[in-house]
Amino acid sequence: MSETLTLALWATNMGIGPTSADAFVDLVAQQLDRARAEGADLLLMPEHVSEAWLAYAPPDLPELAEIAWLAEEAATILPRLRGLADARGPALHAGTVPVRVGEGRHRNRAHLFLPDGATHVQDKLSLTPDERDPSAWTLEPGATLEVVSWRGLRLATVICLDIEQPALAARLQPLDL
């Protein structure tokens, strides 16, 4: 049981410009190595980290197709990030990426990869106007909040605008997090 959790934050400019999925995975490996060397228990990546992948997207990719393309990339990159977390440690909170949840439907989802092999996901609950814009990045909100028990602590992933919602705070309060 632990009473503390040491976080390594990867605050980055989304213009980091990886040239490929391999280059992005290499960047994450470097960040995991840094976090481990600094004694961190968990590396926390930013929301919408997948926007960096647009640096190597097809040059003629229309804006309306970006979310679907990013979700396809996520389907191949996320298992590789899971493998990095398993091989290198520490735990990895892999930011958020679009994931396909149905035909033409996507959510902004965070993935938490724990050293015991467990994967936990959290969909963003409160979308920004840009995330709901039918002329661009149409995403749909999640509906549930997952609380994860790890190392004697309980963790909840609260994404961006979710933190500002009184109803979410009211749902968390009785959990004594």
N, C-alpha and C. Protein backbone atom coordinates (compact mmCIF):
# COMPACT_ATOMS: atom_id res chain seq x y z
N MET A 1 0.85 -1.19 0.00
CA MET A 1 0.00 0.00 0.00
C MET A 1 0.88 1.24 0.00
N SER A 2 0.50 2.21 -0.79
CA SER A 2 1.25 3.45 -0.89
C SER A 2 0.33 4.61 -0.54
N GLU A 3 0.90 5.61 0.09
CA GLU A 3 0.12 6.81 0.39
C GLU A 3 0.44 7.94 -0.58
N THR A 4 1.43 7.73 -1.41
CA THR A 4 1.81 8.76 -2.39
C THR A 4 1.99 8.13 -3.76
N LEU A 5 1.92 8.98 -4.73
CA LEU A 5 2.14 8.57 -6.11
C LEU A 5 2.95 9.70 -6.75
N THR A 6 4.11 9.37 -7.27
CA THR A 6 4.96 10.36 -7.91
C THR A 6 4.66 10.38 -9.41
N LEU A 7 4.28 11.55 -9.90
CA LEU A 7 3.93 11.71 -11.31
C LEU A 7 5.04 12.39 -12.08
N ALA A 8 5.23 11.94 -13.30
CA ALA A 8 6.07 12.65 -14.26
C ALA A 8 5.10 13.19 -15.30
N LEU A 9 5.15 14.48 -15.54
CA LEU A 9 4.25 15.10 -16.51
C LEU A 9 5.00 15.32 -17.81
N TRP A 10 4.35 14.97 -18.91
CA TRP A 10 4.91 15.25 -20.22
C TRP A 10 4.11 16.40 -20.82
N ALA A 11 4.53 17.60 -20.48
CA ALA A 11 3.92 18.80 -21.06
C ALA A 11 4.67 19.05 -22.36
N THR A 12 3.95 19.04 -23.46
CA THR A 12 4.62 19.16 -24.75
C THR A 12 3.83 20.05 -25.69
N ASN A 13 4.52 20.62 -26.62
CA ASN A 13 3.93 21.36 -27.71
C ASN A 13 3.39 20.33 -28.70
N MET A 14 2.12 20.43 -29.06
CA MET A 14 1.56 19.44 -29.97
C MET A 14 2.20 19.51 -31.36
N GLY A 15 3.05 20.50 -31.56
CA GLY A 15 3.78 20.60 -32.82
C GLY A 15 5.10 19.85 -32.78
N ILE A 16 5.21 18.83 -31.88
CA ILE A 16 6.46 18.08 -31.77
C ILE A 16 6.85 17.43 -33.09
N GLY A 17 5.87 17.18 -33.94
CA GLY A 17 6.11 16.77 -35.31
C GLY A 17 6.78 15.44 -35.54
N PRO A 18 6.28 14.34 -34.93
CA PRO A 18 6.88 13.05 -35.28
C PRO A 18 6.66 12.78 -36.77
N THR A 19 7.59 12.07 -37.37
CA THR A 19 7.51 11.79 -38.81
C THR A 19 6.78 10.49 -39.12
N SER A 20 6.46 9.72 -38.07
CA SER A 20 5.79 8.44 -38.26
C SER A 20 5.28 7.94 -36.92
N ALA A 21 4.48 6.89 -36.96
CA ALA A 21 4.04 6.25 -35.72
C ALA A 21 5.25 5.73 -34.94
N ASP A 22 6.23 5.17 -35.65
CA ASP A 22 7.44 4.68 -34.99
C ASP A 22 8.15 5.80 -34.25
N ALA A 23 8.26 6.96 -34.88
CA ALA A 23 8.93 8.10 -34.26
C ALA A 23 8.17 8.56 -33.01
N PHE A 24 6.84 8.52 -33.06
CA PHE A 24 6.06 8.90 -31.90
C PHE A 24 6.28 7.91 -30.76
N VAL A 25 6.22 6.63 -31.05
CA VAL A 25 6.43 5.60 -30.03
C VAL A 25 7.83 5.75 -29.42
N ASP A 26 8.81 6.08 -30.25
CA ASP A 26 10.17 6.33 -29.73
C ASP A 26 10.19 7.50 -28.76
N LEU A 27 9.43 8.57 -29.07
CA LEU A 27 9.33 9.71 -28.16
C LEU A 27 8.74 9.29 -26.81
N VAL A 28 7.71 8.47 -26.85
CA VAL A 28 7.09 8.01 -25.61
C VAL A 28 8.08 7.15 -24.83
N ALA A 29 8.83 6.30 -25.53
CA ALA A 29 9.84 5.47 -24.86
C ALA A 29 10.86 6.35 -24.14
N GLN A 30 11.28 7.42 -24.78
CA GLN A 30 12.23 8.35 -24.16
C GLN A 30 11.62 8.99 -22.91
N GLN A 31 10.35 9.35 -22.99
CA GLN A 31 9.69 9.97 -21.84
C GLN A 31 9.51 8.97 -20.70
N LEU A 32 9.22 7.72 -21.02
CA LEU A 32 9.12 6.69 -19.98
C LEU A 32 10.47 6.46 -19.32
N ASP A 33 11.54 6.45 -20.13
CA ASP A 33 12.89 6.29 -19.57
C ASP A 33 13.21 7.45 -18.63
N ARG A 34 12.86 8.67 -19.04
CA ARG A 34 13.09 9.84 -18.20
C ARG A 34 12.31 9.73 -16.90
N ALA A 35 11.05 9.36 -17.01
CA ALA A 35 10.20 9.25 -15.82
C ALA A 35 10.76 8.20 -14.85
N ARG A 36 11.17 7.06 -15.39
CA ARG A 36 11.73 6.00 -14.55
C ARG A 36 13.01 6.49 -13.86
N ALA A 37 13.88 7.16 -14.60
CA ALA A 37 15.13 7.67 -14.04
C ALA A 37 14.88 8.68 -12.93
N GLU A 38 13.77 9.41 -13.03
CA GLU A 38 13.43 10.41 -12.01
C GLU A 38 12.64 9.80 -10.85
N GLY A 39 12.39 8.50 -10.89
CA GLY A 39 11.70 7.83 -9.79
C GLY A 39 10.19 7.97 -9.82
N ALA A 40 9.64 8.29 -10.97
CA ALA A 40 8.18 8.46 -11.07
C ALA A 40 7.48 7.11 -11.07
N ASP A 41 6.28 7.11 -10.53
CA ASP A 41 5.42 5.93 -10.54
C ASP A 41 4.53 5.89 -11.78
N LEU A 42 4.27 7.07 -12.36
CA LEU A 42 3.33 7.17 -13.46
C LEU A 42 3.72 8.35 -14.35
N LEU A 43 3.75 8.11 -15.66
CA LEU A 43 3.97 9.17 -16.64
C LEU A 43 2.61 9.60 -17.17
N LEU A 44 2.32 10.87 -17.08
CA LEU A 44 1.05 11.43 -17.53
C LEU A 44 1.27 12.24 -18.79
N MET A 45 0.67 11.77 -19.89
CA MET A 45 0.75 12.44 -21.18
C MET A 45 -0.44 13.37 -21.35
N PRO A 46 -0.37 14.33 -22.28
CA PRO A 46 -1.43 15.33 -22.41
C PRO A 46 -2.69 14.85 -23.15
N GLU A 47 -3.78 15.59 -22.90
CA GLU A 47 -5.00 15.38 -23.65
C GLU A 47 -4.74 15.70 -25.11
N HIS A 48 -5.43 15.00 -25.98
CA HIS A 48 -5.32 15.17 -27.43
C HIS A 48 -3.88 15.02 -27.92
N VAL A 49 -3.09 14.17 -27.27
CA VAL A 49 -1.71 13.95 -27.69
C VAL A 49 -1.64 13.48 -29.14
N SER A 50 -2.69 12.85 -29.59
CA SER A 50 -2.72 12.34 -30.96
C SER A 50 -2.70 13.44 -32.02
N GLU A 51 -2.99 14.67 -31.63
CA GLU A 51 -2.90 15.76 -32.61
C GLU A 51 -1.50 15.84 -33.20
N ALA A 52 -0.49 15.41 -32.44
CA ALA A 52 0.88 15.42 -32.95
C ALA A 52 1.03 14.51 -34.16
N TRP A 53 0.19 13.48 -34.26
CA TRP A 53 0.27 12.54 -35.38
C TRP A 53 -0.13 13.19 -36.69
N LEU A 54 -0.84 14.29 -36.62
CA LEU A 54 -1.24 14.97 -37.87
C LEU A 54 -0.02 15.46 -38.65
N ALA A 55 1.13 15.53 -38.00
CA ALA A 55 2.36 15.93 -38.68
C ALA A 55 2.73 14.94 -39.79
N TYR A 56 2.32 13.69 -39.66
CA TYR A 56 2.63 12.70 -40.70
C TYR A 56 1.37 12.15 -41.38
N ALA A 57 0.26 12.81 -41.17
CA ALA A 57 -0.99 12.40 -41.82
C ALA A 57 -0.88 12.62 -43.32
N PRO A 58 -1.70 11.93 -44.08
CA PRO A 58 -1.71 12.18 -45.52
C PRO A 58 -1.94 13.67 -45.78
N PRO A 59 -1.19 14.26 -46.69
CA PRO A 59 -1.29 15.70 -46.92
C PRO A 59 -2.65 16.18 -47.40
N ASP A 60 -3.42 15.29 -48.00
CA ASP A 60 -4.74 15.67 -48.51
C ASP A 60 -5.88 15.24 -47.58
N LEU A 61 -5.56 14.91 -46.34
CA LEU A 61 -6.57 14.47 -45.38
C LEU A 61 -7.50 15.63 -45.05
N PRO A 62 -8.80 15.52 -45.37
CA PRO A 62 -9.72 16.61 -45.05
C PRO A 62 -9.98 16.68 -43.54
N GLU A 63 -10.28 17.87 -43.06
CA GLU A 63 -10.50 18.06 -41.63
C GLU A 63 -11.59 17.13 -41.10
N LEU A 64 -12.64 16.92 -41.89
CA LEU A 64 -13.73 16.04 -41.45
C LEU A 64 -13.31 14.58 -41.32
N ALA A 65 -12.16 14.21 -41.88
CA ALA A 65 -11.68 12.83 -41.80
C ALA A 65 -10.58 12.66 -40.75
N GLU A 66 -10.18 13.74 -40.10
CA GLU A 66 -9.07 13.65 -39.14
C GLU A 66 -9.37 12.72 -37.97
N ILE A 67 -10.53 12.85 -37.38
CA ILE A 67 -10.85 12.02 -36.20
C ILE A 67 -10.80 10.54 -36.56
N ALA A 68 -11.40 10.16 -37.66
CA ALA A 68 -11.38 8.74 -38.06
C ALA A 68 -9.95 8.28 -38.32
N TRP A 69 -9.14 9.11 -38.98
CA TRP A 69 -7.74 8.74 -39.24
C TRP A 69 -6.97 8.61 -37.93
N LEU A 70 -7.17 9.55 -37.01
CA LEU A 70 -6.48 9.49 -35.71
C LEU A 70 -6.90 8.24 -34.94
N ALA A 71 -8.17 7.87 -35.02
CA ALA A 71 -8.64 6.66 -34.34
C ALA A 71 -7.99 5.41 -34.93
N GLU A 72 -7.81 5.39 -36.25
CA GLU A 72 -7.12 4.26 -36.88
C GLU A 72 -5.67 4.18 -36.39
N GLU A 73 -5.01 5.32 -36.33
CA GLU A 73 -3.63 5.35 -35.82
C GLU A 73 -3.59 4.89 -34.37
N ALA A 74 -4.55 5.35 -33.57
CA ALA A 74 -4.60 4.97 -32.15
C ALA A 74 -4.71 3.45 -32.00
N ALA A 75 -5.48 2.82 -32.88
CA ALA A 75 -5.66 1.37 -32.79
C ALA A 75 -4.35 0.62 -32.99
N THR A 76 -3.40 1.22 -33.70
CA THR A 76 -2.10 0.57 -33.88
C THR A 76 -1.06 1.05 -32.87
N ILE A 77 -1.17 2.30 -32.44
CA ILE A 77 -0.17 2.86 -31.52
C ILE A 77 -0.43 2.44 -30.08
N LEU A 78 -1.67 2.42 -29.64
CA LEU A 78 -1.95 2.12 -28.23
C LEU A 78 -1.41 0.76 -27.77
N PRO A 79 -1.54 -0.31 -28.55
CA PRO A 79 -0.94 -1.57 -28.10
C PRO A 79 0.58 -1.47 -27.95
N ARG A 80 1.21 -0.68 -28.77
CA ARG A 80 2.66 -0.49 -28.66
C ARG A 80 3.00 0.29 -27.39
N LEU A 81 2.16 1.27 -27.04
CA LEU A 81 2.39 2.01 -25.79
C LEU A 81 2.16 1.09 -24.59
N ARG A 82 1.15 0.24 -24.68
CA ARG A 82 0.91 -0.76 -23.62
C ARG A 82 2.17 -1.60 -23.43
N GLY A 83 2.77 -2.04 -24.54
CA GLY A 83 4.00 -2.84 -24.49
C GLY A 83 5.16 -2.08 -23.87
N LEU A 84 5.28 -0.80 -24.18
CA LEU A 84 6.34 0.02 -23.57
C LEU A 84 6.16 0.11 -22.07
N ALA A 85 4.94 0.33 -21.64
CA ALA A 85 4.68 0.44 -20.20
C ALA A 85 5.02 -0.88 -19.52
N ASP A 86 4.69 -1.99 -20.15
CA ASP A 86 5.01 -3.30 -19.59
C ASP A 86 6.52 -3.52 -19.50
N ALA A 87 7.22 -3.15 -20.56
CA ALA A 87 8.66 -3.43 -20.64
C ALA A 87 9.51 -2.45 -19.85
N ARG A 88 9.11 -1.19 -19.81
CA ARG A 88 9.96 -0.16 -19.24
C ARG A 88 9.50 0.32 -17.88
N GLY A 89 8.17 0.34 -17.67
CA GLY A 89 7.67 1.02 -16.49
C GLY A 89 8.05 2.48 -16.62
N PRO A 90 7.56 3.34 -15.88
CA PRO A 90 6.49 3.19 -14.88
C PRO A 90 5.12 3.02 -15.56
N ALA A 91 4.06 3.14 -14.77
CA ALA A 91 2.71 3.13 -15.34
C ALA A 91 2.62 4.29 -16.34
N LEU A 92 1.74 4.14 -17.31
CA LEU A 92 1.60 5.15 -18.36
C LEU A 92 0.14 5.56 -18.50
N HIS A 93 -0.10 6.84 -18.32
CA HIS A 93 -1.40 7.43 -18.63
C HIS A 93 -1.19 8.08 -19.99
N ALA A 94 -1.66 7.42 -21.04
CA ALA A 94 -1.28 7.74 -22.42
C ALA A 94 -2.07 8.89 -23.02
N GLY A 95 -2.38 9.89 -22.25
CA GLY A 95 -3.11 11.04 -22.78
C GLY A 95 -4.48 10.62 -23.28
N THR A 96 -5.03 11.40 -24.20
CA THR A 96 -6.30 11.02 -24.82
C THR A 96 -6.13 10.95 -26.33
N VAL A 97 -6.91 10.05 -26.91
CA VAL A 97 -6.92 9.85 -28.36
C VAL A 97 -8.34 9.54 -28.79
N PRO A 98 -8.68 9.84 -30.04
CA PRO A 98 -10.00 9.43 -30.52
C PRO A 98 -10.05 7.91 -30.68
N VAL A 99 -11.15 7.33 -30.27
CA VAL A 99 -11.39 5.90 -30.49
C VAL A 99 -12.75 5.73 -31.14
N ARG A 100 -12.83 4.75 -32.02
CA ARG A 100 -14.09 4.45 -32.70
C ARG A 100 -14.98 3.67 -31.74
N VAL A 101 -16.22 4.11 -31.60
CA VAL A 101 -17.18 3.42 -30.73
C VAL A 101 -18.42 2.97 -31.51
N GLY A 102 -18.38 3.12 -32.81
CA GLY A 102 -19.49 2.71 -33.68
C GLY A 102 -19.24 3.29 -35.06
N GLU A 103 -20.09 2.95 -35.97
CA GLU A 103 -19.94 3.44 -37.34
C GLU A 103 -20.00 4.97 -37.37
N GLY A 104 -18.89 5.59 -37.70
CA GLY A 104 -18.82 7.05 -37.78
C GLY A 104 -18.88 7.75 -36.43
N ARG A 105 -18.73 7.01 -35.34
CA ARG A 105 -18.83 7.58 -34.00
C ARG A 105 -17.50 7.40 -33.27
N HIS A 106 -17.09 8.48 -32.57
CA HIS A 106 -15.80 8.46 -31.87
C HIS A 106 -15.91 9.17 -30.53
N ARG A 107 -15.05 8.77 -29.62
CA ARG A 107 -14.94 9.43 -28.32
C ARG A 107 -13.48 9.80 -28.07
N ASN A 108 -13.30 10.81 -27.24
CA ASN A 108 -11.97 11.21 -26.77
C ASN A 108 -11.69 10.38 -25.52
N ARG A 109 -10.76 9.43 -25.60
CA ARG A 109 -10.58 8.43 -24.54
C ARG A 109 -9.15 8.45 -24.00
N ALA A 110 -9.05 8.39 -22.69
CA ALA A 110 -7.77 8.26 -22.00
C ALA A 110 -7.53 6.78 -21.69
N HIS A 111 -6.26 6.38 -21.77
CA HIS A 111 -5.87 5.00 -21.47
C HIS A 111 -4.82 5.02 -20.36
N LEU A 112 -5.07 4.23 -19.33
CA LEU A 112 -4.13 4.08 -18.22
C LEU A 112 -3.61 2.65 -18.26
N PHE A 113 -2.29 2.50 -18.48
CA PHE A 113 -1.64 1.20 -18.54
C PHE A 113 -0.85 0.99 -17.25
N LEU A 114 -1.29 0.05 -16.43
CA LEU A 114 -0.65 -0.22 -15.15
C LEU A 114 0.37 -1.35 -15.27
N PRO A 115 1.37 -1.35 -14.39
CA PRO A 115 2.44 -2.36 -14.48
C PRO A 115 1.96 -3.80 -14.32
N ASP A 116 0.80 -4.01 -13.71
CA ASP A 116 0.30 -5.37 -13.54
C ASP A 116 -0.38 -5.89 -14.80
N GLY A 117 -0.33 -5.11 -15.89
CA GLY A 117 -0.94 -5.51 -17.15
C GLY A 117 -2.35 -5.00 -17.34
N ALA A 118 -2.94 -4.40 -16.31
CA ALA A 118 -4.30 -3.88 -16.42
C ALA A 118 -4.32 -2.63 -17.29
N THR A 119 -5.38 -2.49 -18.05
CA THR A 119 -5.64 -1.28 -18.83
C THR A 119 -6.99 -0.73 -18.40
N HIS A 120 -7.01 0.55 -18.08
CA HIS A 120 -8.26 1.22 -17.71
C HIS A 120 -8.48 2.37 -18.67
N VAL A 121 -9.73 2.60 -19.05
CA VAL A 121 -10.04 3.69 -19.97
C VAL A 121 -11.06 4.62 -19.35
N GLN A 122 -10.99 5.87 -19.78
CA GLN A 122 -11.97 6.86 -19.36
C GLN A 122 -12.29 7.75 -20.55
N ASP A 123 -13.56 7.82 -20.90
CA ASP A 123 -14.00 8.72 -21.96
C ASP A 123 -14.24 10.10 -21.37
N LYS A 124 -13.90 11.11 -22.14
CA LYS A 124 -14.18 12.48 -21.72
C LYS A 124 -15.70 12.64 -21.64
N LEU A 125 -16.17 13.22 -20.54
CA LEU A 125 -17.60 13.33 -20.29
C LEU A 125 -18.20 14.64 -20.79
N SER A 126 -17.43 15.73 -20.68
CA SER A 126 -17.93 17.07 -21.04
C SER A 126 -17.09 17.60 -22.19
N LEU A 127 -17.67 17.61 -23.36
CA LEU A 127 -16.93 18.02 -24.54
C LEU A 127 -16.95 19.54 -24.71
N THR A 128 -15.87 20.05 -25.29
CA THR A 128 -15.80 21.47 -25.63
C THR A 128 -16.62 21.70 -26.90
N PRO A 129 -16.98 22.94 -27.19
CA PRO A 129 -17.71 23.20 -28.44
C PRO A 129 -16.96 22.71 -29.69
N ASP A 130 -15.64 22.84 -29.72
CA ASP A 130 -14.88 22.36 -30.88
C ASP A 130 -14.99 20.85 -31.05
N GLU A 131 -15.06 20.12 -29.95
CA GLU A 131 -15.15 18.66 -30.03
C GLU A 131 -16.53 18.21 -30.49
N ARG A 132 -17.52 19.08 -30.41
CA ARG A 132 -18.89 18.74 -30.82
C ARG A 132 -19.27 19.39 -32.15
N ASP A 133 -18.33 20.04 -32.79
CA ASP A 133 -18.60 20.80 -34.01
C ASP A 133 -18.83 19.86 -35.20
N PRO A 134 -20.04 19.81 -35.75
CA PRO A 134 -20.31 18.90 -36.86
C PRO A 134 -19.55 19.23 -38.14
N SER A 135 -18.96 20.41 -38.20
CA SER A 135 -18.18 20.76 -39.40
C SER A 135 -16.70 20.42 -39.23
N ALA A 136 -16.35 19.79 -38.12
CA ALA A 136 -14.95 19.45 -37.88
C ALA A 136 -14.83 18.16 -37.07
N TRP A 137 -14.47 18.30 -35.82
CA TRP A 137 -14.17 17.13 -34.97
C TRP A 137 -15.37 16.70 -34.16
N THR A 138 -16.30 16.05 -34.76
CA THR A 138 -17.48 15.62 -34.03
C THR A 138 -17.14 14.39 -33.19
N LEU A 139 -17.15 14.58 -31.88
CA LEU A 139 -16.94 13.49 -30.92
C LEU A 139 -18.22 13.35 -30.10
N GLU A 140 -18.37 12.24 -29.43
CA GLU A 140 -19.51 12.10 -28.53
C GLU A 140 -18.97 11.90 -27.11
N PRO A 141 -19.71 12.35 -26.12
CA PRO A 141 -19.23 12.23 -24.74
C PRO A 141 -19.38 10.81 -24.21
N GLY A 142 -18.55 10.50 -23.22
CA GLY A 142 -18.73 9.25 -22.48
C GLY A 142 -19.87 9.42 -21.50
N ALA A 143 -20.20 8.33 -20.80
CA ALA A 143 -21.34 8.38 -19.88
C ALA A 143 -21.00 7.90 -18.47
N THR A 144 -19.85 7.29 -18.30
CA THR A 144 -19.51 6.73 -17.00
C THR A 144 -18.16 7.24 -16.51
N LEU A 145 -18.01 7.22 -15.21
CA LEU A 145 -16.75 7.60 -14.57
C LEU A 145 -16.18 6.36 -13.90
N GLU A 146 -14.97 5.99 -14.26
CA GLU A 146 -14.33 4.82 -13.66
C GLU A 146 -13.38 5.26 -12.56
N VAL A 147 -13.45 4.59 -11.43
CA VAL A 147 -12.51 4.79 -10.34
C VAL A 147 -11.64 3.55 -10.26
N VAL A 148 -10.34 3.74 -10.32
CA VAL A 148 -9.37 2.66 -10.37
C VAL A 148 -8.67 2.55 -9.03
N SER A 149 -8.56 1.34 -8.52
CA SER A 149 -7.77 1.10 -7.31
C SER A 149 -6.40 0.61 -7.74
N TRP A 150 -5.37 1.27 -7.23
CA TRP A 150 -3.99 0.90 -7.56
C TRP A 150 -3.09 1.32 -6.42
N ARG A 151 -2.29 0.41 -5.94
CA ARG A 151 -1.31 0.67 -4.88
C ARG A 151 -1.95 1.28 -3.64
N GLY A 152 -3.13 0.84 -3.32
CA GLY A 152 -3.82 1.34 -2.13
C GLY A 152 -4.47 2.70 -2.31
N LEU A 153 -4.44 3.22 -3.51
CA LEU A 153 -5.05 4.52 -3.81
C LEU A 153 -6.22 4.30 -4.76
N ARG A 154 -7.11 5.28 -4.81
CA ARG A 154 -8.19 5.26 -5.80
C ARG A 154 -7.98 6.45 -6.71
N LEU A 155 -8.00 6.18 -8.00
CA LEU A 155 -7.71 7.19 -9.01
C LEU A 155 -8.91 7.36 -9.93
N ALA A 156 -9.17 8.60 -10.30
CA ALA A 156 -10.19 8.91 -11.31
C ALA A 156 -9.53 9.81 -12.34
N THR A 157 -9.75 9.52 -13.60
CA THR A 157 -9.24 10.36 -14.68
C THR A 157 -10.32 11.38 -15.02
N VAL A 158 -10.00 12.63 -14.80
CA VAL A 158 -10.93 13.73 -15.09
C VAL A 158 -10.26 14.55 -16.19
N ILE A 159 -10.91 14.63 -17.34
CA ILE A 159 -10.29 15.19 -18.55
C ILE A 159 -10.80 16.59 -18.82
N CYS A 160 -9.89 17.54 -18.86
CA CYS A 160 -10.14 18.91 -19.32
C CYS A 160 -11.41 19.51 -18.71
N LEU A 161 -12.40 19.75 -19.51
CA LEU A 161 -13.62 20.43 -19.10
C LEU A 161 -14.40 19.65 -18.03
N ASP A 162 -14.16 18.34 -17.94
CA ASP A 162 -14.84 17.53 -16.93
C ASP A 162 -14.61 18.08 -15.53
N ILE A 163 -13.42 18.63 -15.28
CA ILE A 163 -13.07 19.10 -13.94
C ILE A 163 -13.94 20.27 -13.50
N GLU A 164 -14.52 20.98 -14.45
CA GLU A 164 -15.32 22.17 -14.14
C GLU A 164 -16.80 21.88 -13.93
N GLN A 165 -17.17 20.62 -13.96
CA GLN A 165 -18.58 20.26 -13.88
C GLN A 165 -18.98 19.93 -12.43
N PRO A 166 -19.84 20.73 -11.82
CA PRO A 166 -20.26 20.46 -10.44
C PRO A 166 -20.87 19.07 -10.26
N ALA A 167 -21.58 18.57 -11.24
CA ALA A 167 -22.21 17.26 -11.11
C ALA A 167 -21.16 16.16 -10.97
N LEU A 168 -20.05 16.30 -11.66
CA LEU A 168 -18.99 15.30 -11.55
C LEU A 168 -18.35 15.37 -10.16
N ALA A 169 -18.11 16.57 -9.67
CA ALA A 169 -17.56 16.72 -8.32
C ALA A 169 -18.50 16.09 -7.29
N ALA A 170 -19.79 16.26 -7.49
CA ALA A 170 -20.77 15.68 -6.57
C ALA A 170 -20.74 14.16 -6.62
N ARG A 171 -20.46 13.60 -7.80
CA ARG A 171 -20.37 12.14 -7.93
C ARG A 171 -19.10 11.60 -7.26
N LEU A 172 -18.02 12.38 -7.29
CA LEU A 172 -16.77 11.95 -6.70
C LEU A 172 -16.72 12.12 -5.19
N GLN A 173 -17.36 13.13 -4.67
CA GLN A 173 -17.26 13.46 -3.24
C GLN A 173 -17.58 12.28 -2.32
N PRO A 174 -18.67 11.58 -2.50
CA PRO A 174 -18.97 10.50 -1.55
C PRO A 174 -18.01 9.32 -1.66
N LEU A 175 -17.21 9.27 -2.72
CA LEU A 175 -16.26 8.18 -2.87
C LEU A 175 -15.04 8.35 -1.98
N ASP A 176 -14.91 9.51 -1.35
CA ASP A 176 -13.79 9.80 -0.45
C ASP A 176 -12.46 9.54 -1.13
N LEU A 177 -12.32 10.08 -2.32
CA LEU A 177 -11.06 9.96 -3.04
C LEU A 177 -10.09 10.89 -2.40
